[in-house]
Amino acid sequence: MKAIIVTFDSLNRHLLPPYGCDWTVAPNFRRLAARTITFDRAYVGSMPCMPARLEMHTGRYNFLHRSWGPLAPYDDSMPEILKNSGVYTHLVSDHYHYWEDGGATYHNRYSTWDFCRGQEGDTRIGQVREPDIPRCVIGQRGSHWRNDWVNRQFMRREEDQPQPRTFAAGMDFIRRNATEDRWLLHLETFDPHEPFFSQQKYKDLYPHDYDVAKSGHFDWPPYNFVRETPEQAAHGRYEYAALLSMCDEYLGRVLDLMDELDLWKDTMLIVNADHGFLLGEHGCWAKCWCRWFEEHAHMPLFIWDHRCGLAGQRRSALVQTIDLAPTILEYFGLPLPPDMQGKPLRETIARDEPVREAGLFGQFGMQVNVTDGQYVYMRAPARQDNQPLYDYTLMPTHMRSFFTVEELRGVTLAAPFSFTKGCPLLKIPSTKIGAGGWFDQTLYQNWLYDLQADPRQERPIQDARIEARMIELLCGLMKANDAPVEQFERLGLG
């Protein structure tokens, strides 16, 4: 019994051929779908990057209680449970957020781990001299932008990029341990997260007229509305597609290795993403500052379970990121901790057994969203000051920093929640909404969509009966998550 999880960051379901896209070059995702079960209603829960990974460990939502942050002492970590039960676990990743203040407790939950540096603004290379930065569509954006251009100087060849090095390290682990039993490999890459940096051979898959000297370099969209020219915006999408094709190439190498070593007979394979990314849909780029649309929250998910041996089929059951940890624990024959909310997917994989009526998704301090697979309801803050809102944690760090002294001056001690194993928590006042203080005002409106009639969420509906049902589902799931009482007040729900 072995298992491999391959996780991509910001991988858009709607741009993959198995989900109906006809213009991206991704033959290995087609091949993956032929060898696995493809899930048509897979949704994220807590977003973005580290909140999603917290769900992969703990099997429960976290965005109603806390923002981006580390695993806490009371959190159940699936890799650590496996490790403590005699299953060897190994992480290989280039996702540099693991090694910042807000993610620093995840990697040591594994038996061993490997890290390939250099993605985005990773502070990898010490260089005092300013790097050579071409004229870019949106100009320079501080130290994060600078670090990326320093890093790119050391990635002239494809094999020097973090993704190829990550997959090489993961495949080395597979080869070295293919004949061993009871291990889990979590192989994940930051790609195709922005910036969309890939080699020319992948760009050549998408020929188009674009003069970089005239129109500017553009492979890192802003977290904002689309304000670029149509030519610039189209070029940005092609740059994403090129990086997606690079992801497809390295996914194919894992599939090749599974074929070569005949791992299909005794190895579970899960391929997923933490969330998606807007590439101009809804007039927006990126995530976090705007509503969490289908392009963000409706994720790709493929699973091969050799115990049932079914492949090339699709499943319509509503599943979520919180189901991955329970699925892995059940696969290795281990009991689920009582605090896990997700469900093992063994019977869903085998015969499309439903595991839930509805699911929550969202980001701390923003709208709280609920879907039943047909409808999506986005519940907004009731007040323009987005209050009351508190961050509950024992690990007071943001993405790249500690909570400030000013933030911590308002701290009180909160009683334990049902999942904190008797630990009281710091209750920290928060005014957070959107990314970096910038947000779309539509976050202060409620929205209801019928995905069956309007899969692109272009035509919101007004239906009091359906809205009342979705509010009932929303409140029920929030209560089951032991949501802080003030979250109901913040959303105008009591």
Protein backbone atom coordinates (compact mmCIF):
# COMPACT_ATOMS: atom_id res chain seq x y z
CA MET A 1 0.00 0.00 0.00
CA LYS A 2 1.58 3.21 -1.23
CA ALA A 3 0.17 6.63 -2.11
CA ILE A 4 1.27 9.60 -4.20
CA ILE A 5 -0.36 13.03 -4.02
CA VAL A 6 0.55 15.48 -6.79
CA THR A 7 -0.60 19.02 -5.97
CA PHE A 8 -0.47 22.02 -8.30
CA ASP A 9 -1.03 25.61 -7.19
CA SER A 10 -3.54 27.84 -9.03
CA LEU A 11 -4.34 25.12 -11.57
CA ASN A 12 -7.48 26.07 -13.47
CA ARG A 13 -9.93 23.23 -13.95
CA HIS A 14 -11.64 24.97 -16.87
CA LEU A 15 -8.38 25.04 -18.87
CA LEU A 16 -7.79 21.28 -18.69
CA PRO A 17 -8.84 19.02 -21.59
CA PRO A 18 -10.59 16.48 -19.30
CA TYR A 19 -12.88 19.31 -18.21
CA GLY A 20 -13.72 20.43 -21.73
CA CYS A 21 -10.95 22.83 -22.78
CA ASP A 22 -10.05 22.41 -26.45
CA TRP A 23 -7.15 24.85 -26.89
CA THR A 24 -4.58 24.12 -24.19
CA VAL A 25 -1.89 21.53 -24.91
CA ALA A 26 -2.10 19.06 -22.03
CA PRO A 27 -2.08 15.47 -23.34
CA ASN A 28 -0.93 14.01 -20.03
CA PHE A 29 -3.97 15.36 -18.22
CA ARG A 30 -6.05 13.49 -20.82
CA ARG A 31 -3.95 10.44 -20.11
CA LEU A 32 -4.43 10.94 -16.38
CA ALA A 33 -8.21 11.05 -16.78
CA ALA A 34 -8.08 7.78 -18.71
CA ARG A 35 -6.24 6.11 -15.82
CA THR A 36 -8.22 7.56 -12.90
CA ILE A 37 -11.62 8.71 -11.69
CA THR A 38 -12.35 12.33 -12.67
CA PHE A 39 -14.43 14.33 -10.20
CA ASP A 40 -16.85 16.83 -11.74
CA ARG A 41 -18.00 18.48 -8.48
CA ALA A 42 -14.82 18.88 -6.46
CA TYR A 43 -14.60 22.10 -4.45
CA VAL A 44 -12.01 23.74 -2.28
CA GLY A 45 -12.88 24.85 1.25
CA SER A 46 -10.46 27.29 2.87
CA MET A 47 -8.40 29.53 0.62
CA PRO A 48 -5.82 30.52 -0.51
CA CYS A 49 -2.54 28.56 -0.38
CA MET A 50 -1.76 27.72 3.26
CA PRO A 51 -5.38 27.56 4.45
CA ALA A 52 -5.93 25.00 1.68
CA ARG A 53 -2.90 23.00 2.83
CA LEU A 54 -4.15 23.14 6.39
CA GLU A 55 -7.28 21.38 5.10
CA MET A 56 -5.14 18.77 3.34
CA HIS A 57 -3.59 17.98 6.72
CA THR A 58 -6.56 18.31 9.06
CA GLY A 59 -9.61 17.40 6.98
CA ARG A 60 -11.62 20.34 8.30
CA TYR A 61 -12.47 23.93 7.32
CA ASN A 62 -10.41 26.67 8.96
CA PHE A 63 -11.31 29.95 7.24
CA LEU A 64 -14.08 30.86 9.69
CA HIS A 65 -11.69 30.87 12.64
CA ARG A 66 -8.35 32.09 11.36
CA SER A 67 -6.48 33.62 8.51
CA TRP A 68 -3.34 32.33 6.80
CA GLY A 69 -1.15 30.62 9.39
CA PRO A 70 0.78 27.59 10.62
CA LEU A 71 -0.48 24.28 11.88
CA ALA A 72 -1.27 24.64 15.59
CA PRO A 73 -0.57 22.17 18.42
CA TYR A 74 -4.22 21.07 18.47
CA ASP A 75 -4.43 20.41 14.71
CA ASP A 76 -4.61 16.82 13.50
CA SER A 77 -2.03 16.40 10.73
CA MET A 78 -2.67 13.51 8.36
CA PRO A 79 1.03 13.07 7.44
CA GLU A 80 2.00 13.08 11.12
CA ILE A 81 -0.73 10.57 12.00
CA LEU A 82 0.63 8.32 9.26
CA LYS A 83 4.22 8.83 10.45
CA ASN A 84 3.29 7.96 14.02
CA SER A 85 1.46 4.84 12.81
CA GLY A 86 4.35 3.36 10.85
CA VAL A 87 3.63 4.83 7.40
CA TYR A 88 6.66 6.67 5.99
CA THR A 89 5.74 10.14 4.70
CA HIS A 90 7.86 12.36 2.48
CA LEU A 91 7.22 15.90 1.20
CA VAL A 92 9.01 17.32 -1.81
CA SER A 93 7.97 20.83 -2.76
CA ASP A 94 9.00 24.15 -4.27
CA HIS A 95 6.08 25.92 -2.57
CA TYR A 96 8.13 28.48 -0.70
CA HIS A 97 5.28 29.63 1.57
CA TYR A 98 6.04 26.57 3.73
CA TRP A 99 9.24 28.27 4.84
CA GLU A 100 7.79 31.66 5.72
CA ASP A 101 6.47 32.69 9.13
CA GLY A 102 2.91 31.75 8.20
CA GLY A 103 3.66 28.19 7.08
CA ALA A 104 6.64 27.09 9.10
CA THR A 105 5.11 24.13 10.96
CA TYR A 106 3.90 21.98 8.04
CA HIS A 107 7.00 20.28 6.63
CA ASN A 108 8.17 18.76 9.92
CA ARG A 109 4.95 16.77 10.20
CA TYR A 110 6.41 14.44 7.53
CA SER A 111 9.04 11.77 8.17
CA THR A 112 11.36 13.58 5.76
CA TRP A 113 11.12 16.53 3.40
CA ASP A 114 12.94 18.16 0.49
CA PHE A 115 12.64 21.74 -0.73
CA CYS A 116 13.57 23.19 -4.14
CA ARG A 117 13.99 26.95 -3.95
CA GLY A 118 13.46 29.80 -6.37
CA GLN A 119 9.75 30.31 -7.05
CA GLU A 120 8.29 33.80 -7.35
CA GLY A 121 9.72 36.14 -4.68
CA ASP A 122 11.58 33.47 -2.72
CA THR A 123 14.46 35.20 -0.90
CA ARG A 124 16.96 32.69 -2.23
CA ILE A 125 19.81 34.64 -3.85
CA GLY A 126 21.79 37.34 -2.08
CA GLN A 127 22.45 40.04 -4.66
CA VAL A 128 23.01 43.71 -3.78
CA ARG A 129 23.11 44.90 -7.38
CA GLU A 130 19.72 45.58 -8.92
CA PRO A 131 18.69 42.90 -11.45
CA ASP A 132 18.02 43.71 -15.09
CA ILE A 133 14.25 43.99 -15.34
CA PRO A 134 12.61 44.51 -18.75
CA ARG A 135 9.92 47.09 -19.28
CA CYS A 136 6.83 45.39 -17.90
CA VAL A 137 3.17 46.07 -18.51
CA ILE A 138 2.44 46.92 -14.88
CA GLY A 139 5.85 48.14 -13.72
CA GLN A 140 7.89 47.05 -10.73
CA ARG A 141 6.23 46.03 -7.46
CA GLY A 142 8.75 46.13 -4.66
CA SER A 143 11.03 43.52 -3.09
CA HIS A 144 8.85 40.56 -4.09
CA TRP A 145 9.10 41.54 -7.75
CA ARG A 146 12.84 42.24 -7.41
CA ASN A 147 13.54 38.84 -5.84
CA ASP A 148 11.77 37.09 -8.70
CA TRP A 149 13.97 38.76 -11.30
CA VAL A 150 17.08 37.90 -9.31
CA ASN A 151 15.94 34.27 -9.17
CA ARG A 152 15.24 34.12 -12.91
CA GLN A 153 18.91 34.88 -13.65
CA PHE A 154 19.74 31.43 -12.26
CA MET A 155 17.07 29.57 -14.25
CA ARG A 156 18.18 29.94 -17.85
CA ARG A 157 17.74 26.21 -18.45
CA GLU A 158 14.52 24.27 -17.85
CA GLU A 159 16.22 21.82 -15.51
CA ASP A 160 17.22 24.73 -13.25
CA GLN A 161 13.64 25.81 -12.62
CA PRO A 162 12.04 24.74 -9.33
CA GLN A 163 9.28 22.60 -10.85
CA PRO A 164 11.61 20.27 -12.81
CA ARG A 165 13.89 19.95 -9.77
CA THR A 166 10.89 19.17 -7.56
CA PHE A 167 9.58 16.45 -9.84
CA ALA A 168 13.08 15.01 -10.23
CA ALA A 169 13.39 14.76 -6.44
CA GLY A 170 9.95 13.20 -6.16
CA MET A 171 10.68 10.65 -8.86
CA ASP A 172 13.98 9.83 -7.17
CA PHE A 173 12.03 9.03 -3.99
CA ILE A 174 9.64 6.82 -5.98
CA ARG A 175 12.44 4.89 -7.68
CA ARG A 176 14.36 4.40 -4.45
CA ASN A 177 11.30 3.14 -2.57
CA ALA A 178 9.20 1.46 -5.25
CA THR A 179 9.62 -2.02 -3.73
CA GLU A 180 8.99 -0.84 -0.17
CA ASP A 181 5.57 -0.83 1.47
CA ARG A 182 3.48 1.70 3.40
CA TRP A 183 4.66 5.11 2.29
CA LEU A 184 3.13 8.40 1.18
CA LEU A 185 4.80 10.87 -1.16
CA HIS A 186 3.36 14.39 -1.33
CA LEU A 187 4.86 15.93 -4.47
CA GLU A 188 3.76 19.48 -5.06
CA THR A 189 4.76 22.42 -7.17
CA PHE A 190 4.00 26.13 -6.94
CA ASP A 191 3.31 26.15 -10.70
CA PRO A 192 1.23 27.29 -12.52
CA HIS A 193 0.97 30.04 -9.87
CA GLU A 194 2.02 33.46 -11.08
CA PRO A 195 4.48 34.62 -12.35
CA PHE A 196 3.92 32.46 -15.42
CA PHE A 197 7.59 31.76 -16.08
CA SER A 198 8.29 28.93 -18.52
CA GLN A 199 10.79 28.02 -21.22
CA GLN A 200 10.43 28.99 -24.86
CA LYS A 201 9.44 25.52 -26.06
CA TYR A 202 6.22 25.75 -24.04
CA LYS A 203 5.52 29.29 -25.23
CA ASP A 204 5.91 28.07 -28.81
CA LEU A 205 2.87 25.82 -28.30
CA TYR A 206 0.75 28.98 -28.34
CA PRO A 207 1.88 31.11 -31.32
CA HIS A 208 0.39 34.61 -31.34
CA ASP A 209 1.35 38.12 -32.39
CA TYR A 210 2.79 40.06 -29.49
CA ASP A 211 5.65 42.54 -29.52
CA VAL A 212 7.25 42.50 -26.05
CA ALA A 213 9.45 45.49 -26.91
CA LYS A 214 6.40 47.51 -27.89
CA SER A 215 3.74 46.25 -25.49
CA GLY A 216 5.81 45.22 -22.47
CA HIS A 217 6.72 42.00 -20.70
CA PHE A 218 3.61 40.47 -19.08
CA ASP A 219 3.54 37.15 -17.23
CA TRP A 220 2.52 38.34 -13.75
CA PRO A 221 -1.03 39.76 -13.67
CA PRO A 222 -1.96 42.20 -10.91
CA TYR A 223 -4.53 41.39 -8.25
CA ASN A 224 -6.99 43.82 -9.80
CA PHE A 225 -9.47 44.43 -12.60
CA VAL A 226 -8.30 43.81 -16.17
CA ARG A 227 -7.03 47.17 -17.37
CA GLU A 228 -4.52 45.96 -19.93
CA THR A 229 -5.07 46.14 -23.68
CA PRO A 230 -6.79 43.12 -25.28
CA GLU A 231 -3.43 42.11 -26.78
CA GLN A 232 -1.67 42.29 -23.42
CA ALA A 233 -4.45 40.37 -21.65
CA ALA A 234 -4.45 37.64 -24.30
CA HIS A 235 -0.67 37.36 -24.03
CA GLY A 236 -0.95 36.94 -20.25
CA ARG A 237 -3.39 34.05 -20.75
CA TYR A 238 -1.06 32.40 -23.25
CA GLU A 239 1.81 32.72 -20.75
CA TYR A 240 -0.36 30.89 -18.20
CA ALA A 241 -1.20 28.23 -20.78
CA ALA A 242 2.51 27.71 -21.53
CA LEU A 243 3.20 27.11 -17.84
CA LEU A 244 0.21 24.78 -17.65
CA SER A 245 1.73 22.77 -20.53
CA MET A 246 4.98 22.59 -18.58
CA CYS A 247 3.01 21.18 -15.62
CA ASP A 248 1.50 18.65 -18.00
CA GLU A 249 4.98 17.59 -19.12
CA TYR A 250 6.11 16.78 -15.58
CA LEU A 251 2.84 15.12 -14.65
CA GLY A 252 3.48 12.87 -17.64
CA ARG A 253 6.86 11.87 -16.22
CA VAL A 254 5.18 10.65 -13.03
CA LEU A 255 2.69 8.66 -15.10
CA ASP A 256 5.57 7.20 -17.13
CA LEU A 257 7.28 6.10 -13.92
CA MET A 258 4.11 4.49 -12.60
CA ASP A 259 3.89 2.57 -15.88
CA GLU A 260 7.55 1.57 -15.80
CA LEU A 261 7.48 0.36 -12.19
CA ASP A 262 3.96 -1.10 -12.39
CA LEU A 263 2.85 1.02 -9.45
CA TRP A 264 -0.79 1.06 -10.55
CA LYS A 265 -1.25 -2.32 -8.87
CA ASP A 266 -0.57 -1.11 -5.31
CA THR A 267 -0.34 2.71 -5.28
CA MET A 268 -3.10 5.27 -4.85
CA LEU A 269 -2.64 8.39 -6.98
CA ILE A 270 -4.33 11.72 -6.21
CA VAL A 271 -3.85 14.78 -8.43
CA ASN A 272 -5.39 18.02 -7.19
CA ALA A 273 -5.02 21.79 -6.90
CA ASP A 274 -5.37 24.15 -3.97
CA HIS A 275 -7.55 26.57 -6.00
CA GLY A 276 -7.76 28.25 -9.39
CA PHE A 277 -6.97 31.71 -10.75
CA LEU A 278 -8.86 34.34 -12.74
CA LEU A 279 -7.37 35.07 -16.15
CA GLY A 280 -9.73 37.85 -17.17
CA GLU A 281 -12.99 36.07 -16.42
CA HIS A 282 -15.45 38.44 -14.71
CA GLY A 283 -13.15 41.26 -15.77
CA CYS A 284 -10.63 40.30 -13.09
CA TRP A 285 -7.15 38.91 -12.58
CA ALA A 286 -6.01 36.62 -9.78
CA LYS A 287 -7.76 35.97 -6.45
CA CYS A 288 -8.18 37.07 -2.82
CA TRP A 289 -9.35 40.62 -3.52
CA CYS A 290 -12.58 39.65 -5.31
CA ARG A 291 -15.34 37.09 -5.02
CA TRP A 292 -14.38 33.42 -5.09
CA PHE A 293 -15.87 32.34 -8.41
CA GLU A 294 -16.11 28.89 -9.97
CA GLU A 295 -12.77 29.53 -11.67
CA HIS A 296 -11.27 29.67 -8.19
CA ALA A 297 -13.27 27.25 -6.10
CA HIS A 298 -14.28 24.46 -8.49
CA MET A 299 -11.05 22.48 -8.52
CA PRO A 300 -9.69 19.65 -10.67
CA LEU A 301 -9.45 16.29 -8.89
CA PHE A 302 -8.34 12.89 -10.19
CA ILE A 303 -8.00 9.74 -8.05
CA TRP A 304 -6.79 6.23 -8.83
CA ASP A 305 -7.65 3.63 -6.18
CA HIS A 306 -6.29 0.20 -7.11
CA ARG A 307 -8.64 -1.47 -4.62
CA CYS A 308 -11.59 -0.94 -6.96
CA GLY A 309 -9.50 -0.66 -10.13
CA LEU A 310 -11.91 1.68 -11.95
CA ALA A 311 -10.51 4.14 -14.48
CA GLY A 312 -11.74 6.46 -17.22
CA GLN A 313 -14.96 7.22 -15.34
CA ARG A 314 -16.45 10.40 -13.88
CA ARG A 315 -18.12 11.12 -10.55
CA SER A 316 -20.78 13.73 -9.82
CA ALA A 317 -20.79 13.55 -6.01
CA LEU A 318 -19.91 16.81 -4.26
CA VAL A 319 -16.47 16.38 -2.68
CA GLN A 320 -14.00 18.84 -1.13
CA THR A 321 -10.39 19.30 -0.11
CA ILE A 322 -11.32 18.28 3.44
CA ASP A 323 -12.00 14.76 2.10
CA LEU A 324 -8.39 14.10 1.09
CA ALA A 325 -6.94 13.49 4.56
CA PRO A 326 -9.74 11.06 5.56
CA THR A 327 -9.36 9.28 2.21
CA ILE A 328 -5.64 8.71 2.80
CA LEU A 329 -6.11 7.60 6.41
CA GLU A 330 -8.83 5.12 5.45
CA TYR A 331 -6.64 3.83 2.61
CA PHE A 332 -3.89 2.94 5.09
CA GLY A 333 -6.39 1.40 7.49
CA LEU A 334 -6.16 4.07 10.18
CA PRO A 335 -9.05 5.53 12.22
CA LEU A 336 -10.11 9.11 11.60
CA PRO A 337 -9.63 11.68 14.38
CA PRO A 338 -13.03 12.85 15.67
CA ASP A 339 -12.30 16.46 14.65
CA MET A 340 -12.00 15.65 10.93
CA GLN A 341 -15.06 16.84 9.00
CA GLY A 342 -14.15 15.31 5.64
CA LYS A 343 -15.24 11.88 4.49
CA PRO A 344 -13.24 9.00 3.00
CA LEU A 345 -13.96 8.78 -0.72
CA ARG A 346 -13.52 5.02 -1.19
CA GLU A 347 -17.19 4.40 -2.00
CA THR A 348 -17.49 7.63 -3.98
CA ILE A 349 -14.60 6.48 -6.17
CA ALA A 350 -16.13 3.02 -6.56
CA ARG A 351 -19.77 3.93 -7.15
CA ASP A 352 -20.34 7.69 -6.82
CA GLU A 353 -21.61 7.42 -3.25
CA PRO A 354 -22.60 10.92 -1.98
CA VAL A 355 -20.73 12.20 1.08
CA ARG A 356 -22.48 15.56 1.66
CA GLU A 357 -25.46 17.63 0.67
CA ALA A 358 -23.51 20.89 0.51
CA GLY A 359 -20.08 22.37 1.16
CA LEU A 360 -18.61 25.64 2.41
CA PHE A 361 -15.76 27.57 0.84
CA GLY A 362 -14.16 30.95 1.30
CA GLN A 363 -11.38 33.08 2.72
CA PHE A 364 -11.07 34.50 6.22
CA GLY A 365 -12.90 37.82 6.59
CA MET A 366 -14.59 37.72 3.20
CA GLN A 367 -17.88 36.31 1.92
CA VAL A 368 -18.85 32.86 3.16
CA ASN A 369 -19.93 30.69 0.24
CA VAL A 370 -22.02 27.54 0.08
CA THR A 371 -22.75 25.19 -2.82
CA ASP A 372 -24.89 22.11 -3.24
CA GLY A 373 -23.32 21.38 -6.62
CA GLN A 374 -26.03 23.20 -8.56
CA TYR A 375 -26.36 26.52 -6.78
CA VAL A 376 -23.68 28.75 -5.29
CA TYR A 377 -24.66 31.31 -2.68
CA MET A 378 -22.21 34.03 -1.62
CA ARG A 379 -23.11 35.58 1.73
CA ALA A 380 -21.63 39.03 2.29
CA PRO A 381 -20.73 41.01 5.42
CA ALA A 382 -23.76 42.92 6.64
CA ARG A 383 -21.77 46.03 7.62
CA GLN A 384 -19.28 48.11 5.67
CA ASP A 385 -16.74 47.83 8.49
CA ASN A 386 -16.90 44.00 8.20
CA GLN A 387 -17.40 43.65 11.94
CA PRO A 388 -17.39 41.83 14.26
CA LEU A 389 -14.39 39.76 13.15
CA TYR A 390 -11.70 38.02 15.19
CA ASP A 391 -8.74 35.83 14.28
CA TYR A 392 -8.48 32.82 16.64
CA THR A 393 -5.05 31.25 16.89
CA LEU A 394 -2.20 30.10 19.09
CA MET A 395 0.28 30.86 16.29
CA PRO A 396 0.00 34.62 15.63
CA THR A 397 1.73 34.94 12.26
CA HIS A 398 0.60 36.33 8.94
CA MET A 399 2.00 35.09 5.62
CA ARG A 400 5.44 36.65 5.96
CA SER A 401 5.42 38.30 9.38
CA PHE A 402 4.34 38.10 12.98
CA PHE A 403 1.14 39.77 14.07
CA THR A 404 2.14 43.31 14.93
CA VAL A 405 2.41 44.60 18.47
CA GLU A 406 -0.51 46.92 17.69
CA GLU A 407 -2.68 43.96 16.60
CA LEU A 408 -1.77 41.97 19.70
CA ARG A 409 -2.56 44.79 22.14
CA GLY A 410 -6.24 44.01 21.65
CA VAL A 411 -5.90 40.30 22.39
CA THR A 412 -8.19 38.49 24.81
CA LEU A 413 -8.30 34.79 25.64
CA ALA A 414 -11.17 32.84 24.09
CA ALA A 415 -12.70 29.64 25.43
CA PRO A 416 -11.73 26.44 23.57
CA PHE A 417 -13.56 25.46 20.42
CA SER A 418 -14.73 21.89 19.96
CA PHE A 419 -11.67 21.02 17.85
CA THR A 420 -8.92 22.68 19.93
CA LYS A 421 -8.66 19.80 22.42
CA GLY A 422 -9.31 21.98 25.43
CA CYS A 423 -6.86 24.72 24.44
CA PRO A 424 -8.06 28.32 24.81
CA LEU A 425 -7.04 30.58 21.93
CA LEU A 426 -5.87 34.11 21.37
CA LYS A 427 -8.82 36.20 20.14
CA ILE A 428 -7.32 38.93 17.97
CA PRO A 429 -9.47 41.77 16.54
CA SER A 430 -9.33 41.89 12.74
CA THR A 431 -10.51 44.24 10.03
CA LYS A 432 -9.35 42.03 7.17
CA ILE A 433 -11.18 41.85 3.87
CA GLY A 434 -9.60 41.20 0.49
CA ALA A 435 -5.88 41.16 -0.30
CA GLY A 436 -3.56 43.80 1.10
CA GLY A 437 -6.43 46.15 1.92
CA TRP A 438 -7.62 46.17 -1.72
CA PHE A 439 -10.97 44.56 -2.47
CA ASP A 440 -13.90 44.58 -4.87
CA GLN A 441 -17.01 46.27 -3.47
CA THR A 442 -19.15 43.36 -4.72
CA LEU A 443 -17.86 41.52 -1.65
CA TYR A 444 -20.48 43.53 0.23
CA GLN A 445 -23.36 42.04 -1.76
CA ASN A 446 -25.04 38.65 -1.62
CA TRP A 447 -24.98 36.64 -4.86
CA LEU A 448 -26.88 33.54 -5.98
CA TYR A 449 -26.04 31.53 -9.09
CA ASP A 450 -27.56 28.52 -10.81
CA LEU A 451 -24.53 26.67 -12.14
CA GLN A 452 -26.61 24.31 -14.21
CA ALA A 453 -28.13 27.16 -16.23
CA ASP A 454 -25.18 29.55 -15.89
CA PRO A 455 -21.89 27.66 -15.34
CA ARG A 456 -19.81 30.79 -15.98
CA GLN A 457 -21.67 32.79 -13.30
CA GLU A 458 -22.60 35.58 -15.66
CA ARG A 459 -26.28 35.90 -14.64
CA PRO A 460 -27.01 36.06 -10.89
CA ILE A 461 -30.55 35.10 -9.96
CA GLN A 462 -33.10 36.40 -7.46
CA ASP A 463 -35.12 33.58 -5.90
CA ALA A 464 -36.19 33.94 -2.26
CA ARG A 465 -37.04 30.25 -1.89
CA ILE A 466 -33.68 29.01 -3.17
CA GLU A 467 -31.82 31.68 -1.18
CA ALA A 468 -33.61 30.61 2.02
CA ARG A 469 -32.60 26.99 1.40
CA MET A 470 -28.97 27.96 0.75
CA ILE A 471 -28.92 30.10 3.92
CA GLU A 472 -30.20 27.08 5.86
CA LEU A 473 -27.40 24.94 4.42
CA LEU A 474 -24.86 27.68 5.13
CA CYS A 475 -25.91 28.08 8.76
CA GLY A 476 -26.00 24.32 9.31
CA LEU A 477 -22.45 23.89 8.02
CA MET A 478 -21.18 26.86 10.00
CA LYS A 479 -22.65 25.41 13.18
CA ALA A 480 -21.16 21.99 12.41
CA ASN A 481 -17.80 23.75 12.02
CA ASP A 482 -18.26 25.36 15.48
CA ALA A 483 -18.01 28.76 13.80
CA PRO A 484 -17.48 31.71 16.15
CA VAL A 485 -20.82 33.19 17.12
CA GLU A 486 -19.85 36.62 15.80
CA GLN A 487 -19.44 35.19 12.29
CA PHE A 488 -23.24 34.83 12.14
CA GLU A 489 -23.60 38.44 13.24
CA ARG A 490 -21.00 39.63 10.70
CA LEU A 491 -23.01 37.96 7.93
CA GLY A 492 -26.33 39.29 9.19
CA LEU A 493 -27.55 35.83 10.14
CA GLY A 494 -28.39 36.41 13.78
